[in-house]
Amino acid sequence: MRHPLLTLRRSVLAHLRALHEAEFGPVSPGEFLQIVINGSAYRWLAPLSTLIVALDDAEATAEARIAQAGAIVAMFSAGTRDPAFAERFLPLLQDSPDIAVANGQVAQVVRGIARD
């Protein structure tokens, strides 16, 4: 679950960085990281980042893992996804082939979880 989500997040951040640099000029990776962490324009990414961090918890119980799987399904399912996330994320699928491909990989994971 973690790898497809990381790939998706990297693709989203690369696209957003290109947009930012087109408008404001080049920034270093560290500067852009600070913009993402501290900037209100990127707060919509927080649920995705939080989910990835939760997946990194090596001491998570089986119940926590099940809850994480449910959170992934909810984040990427049309009926349950966060409207603030969807409002910013869904247009990116049209703007970036890399994001669309990474989202397809996440969708495969979501379908697999939903079946189980």
Protein backbone atom coordinates (compact mmCIF):
# COMPACT_ATOMS: atom_id res chain seq x y z
CA MET A 1 0.00 0.00 0.00
CA ARG A 2 2.76 2.41 0.92
CA HIS A 3 4.73 2.40 -2.34
CA PRO A 4 1.85 3.38 -4.65
CA LEU A 5 0.83 6.16 -2.25
CA LEU A 6 4.40 7.47 -2.09
CA THR A 7 4.66 7.41 -5.87
CA LEU A 8 1.39 9.32 -6.15
CA ARG A 9 2.48 11.90 -3.58
CA ARG A 10 5.84 12.37 -5.33
CA SER A 11 4.08 12.87 -8.66
CA VAL A 12 1.67 15.40 -7.17
CA LEU A 13 4.49 17.32 -5.48
CA ALA A 14 6.61 17.37 -8.65
CA HIS A 15 3.67 18.76 -10.61
CA LEU A 16 2.83 21.35 -7.97
CA ARG A 17 6.46 22.39 -7.78
CA ALA A 18 6.58 22.93 -11.55
CA LEU A 19 3.44 25.07 -11.32
CA HIS A 20 4.88 27.04 -8.41
CA GLU A 21 8.17 27.63 -10.20
CA ALA A 22 6.39 28.69 -13.38
CA GLU A 23 4.64 31.41 -11.39
CA PHE A 24 7.27 32.43 -8.84
CA GLY A 25 10.60 31.26 -10.24
CA PRO A 26 12.92 28.41 -9.27
CA VAL A 27 13.15 27.21 -5.69
CA SER A 28 15.39 24.59 -4.11
CA PRO A 29 13.88 21.30 -2.95
CA GLY A 30 14.23 22.44 0.66
CA GLU A 31 12.51 25.75 -0.06
CA PHE A 32 9.63 23.99 -1.77
CA LEU A 33 9.32 21.55 1.12
CA GLN A 34 8.98 24.50 3.50
CA ILE A 35 6.36 26.05 1.22
CA VAL A 36 4.38 22.80 1.23
CA ILE A 37 4.69 22.32 4.99
CA ASN A 38 3.93 25.91 5.94
CA GLY A 39 1.79 27.14 3.06
CA SER A 40 -1.97 27.06 3.36
CA ALA A 41 -2.31 26.38 -0.37
CA TYR A 42 -0.97 22.86 0.17
CA ARG A 43 -2.88 21.90 3.33
CA TRP A 44 -5.17 19.71 1.23
CA LEU A 45 -2.25 17.25 0.90
CA ALA A 46 -2.10 16.68 4.66
CA PRO A 47 -4.51 13.70 4.75
CA LEU A 48 -2.43 11.86 2.13
CA SER A 49 0.82 12.61 3.97
CA THR A 50 -0.68 11.58 7.31
CA LEU A 51 -1.87 8.30 5.82
CA ILE A 52 1.60 7.53 4.48
CA VAL A 53 3.17 8.28 7.85
CA ALA A 54 0.65 5.98 9.55
CA LEU A 55 1.63 3.19 7.17
CA ASP A 56 5.25 3.64 8.28
CA ASP A 57 4.33 2.76 11.87
CA ALA A 58 6.08 -0.57 12.32
CA GLU A 59 4.31 -1.21 15.61
CA ALA A 60 0.78 -0.84 14.27
CA THR A 61 -1.62 -3.54 15.42
CA ALA A 62 -3.66 -5.65 13.04
CA GLU A 63 -6.69 -3.51 13.88
CA ALA A 64 -4.72 -0.35 13.03
CA ARG A 65 -3.67 -1.85 9.70
CA ILE A 66 -7.30 -2.64 8.89
CA ALA A 67 -8.27 0.92 9.79
CA GLN A 68 -5.47 2.26 7.56
CA ALA A 69 -6.71 0.14 4.67
CA GLY A 70 -10.20 1.51 5.23
CA ALA A 71 -8.82 5.06 5.26
CA ILE A 72 -7.11 4.47 1.92
CA VAL A 73 -10.33 3.17 0.40
CA ALA A 74 -12.26 6.13 1.81
CA MET A 75 -9.73 8.67 0.52
CA PHE A 76 -9.95 7.42 -3.05
CA SER A 77 -13.59 6.32 -3.30
CA ALA A 78 -16.04 8.75 -4.88
CA GLY A 79 -18.69 8.47 -2.18
CA THR A 80 -16.41 8.87 0.82
CA ARG A 81 -13.45 11.01 -0.21
CA ASP A 82 -12.75 14.33 1.47
CA PRO A 83 -14.27 17.12 -0.65
CA ALA A 84 -11.33 19.49 -0.01
CA PHE A 85 -8.88 16.81 -1.17
CA ALA A 86 -10.98 15.87 -4.19
CA GLU A 87 -11.44 19.49 -5.26
CA ARG A 88 -7.69 19.97 -5.61
CA PHE A 89 -6.65 16.41 -6.53
CA LEU A 90 -9.11 15.44 -9.27
CA PRO A 91 -8.13 18.25 -11.69
CA LEU A 92 -4.51 17.14 -11.39
CA LEU A 93 -5.47 13.80 -12.95
CA GLN A 94 -6.29 15.71 -16.15
CA ASP A 95 -3.21 17.94 -15.94
CA SER A 96 -0.48 15.36 -15.41
CA PRO A 97 -0.03 11.93 -17.01
CA ASP A 98 2.38 10.99 -14.19
CA ILE A 99 -0.28 11.69 -11.57
CA ALA A 100 -2.88 9.78 -13.59
CA VAL A 101 -0.61 6.72 -13.86
CA ALA A 102 0.29 6.84 -10.15
CA ASN A 103 -3.40 7.22 -9.29
CA GLY A 104 -4.13 4.13 -11.39
CA GLN A 105 -1.67 2.16 -9.27
CA VAL A 106 -3.37 3.37 -6.10
CA ALA A 107 -6.77 2.50 -7.61
CA GLN A 108 -5.60 -1.09 -8.12
CA VAL A 109 -4.66 -1.29 -4.44
CA VAL A 110 -7.99 0.26 -3.42
CA ARG A 111 -9.92 -2.24 -5.54
CA GLY A 112 -7.96 -5.08 -3.97
CA ILE A 113 -8.65 -3.83 -0.46
CA ALA A 114 -12.33 -3.23 -1.19
CA ARG A 115 -12.72 -6.81 -2.43
CA ASP A 116 -11.16 -8.25 0.73
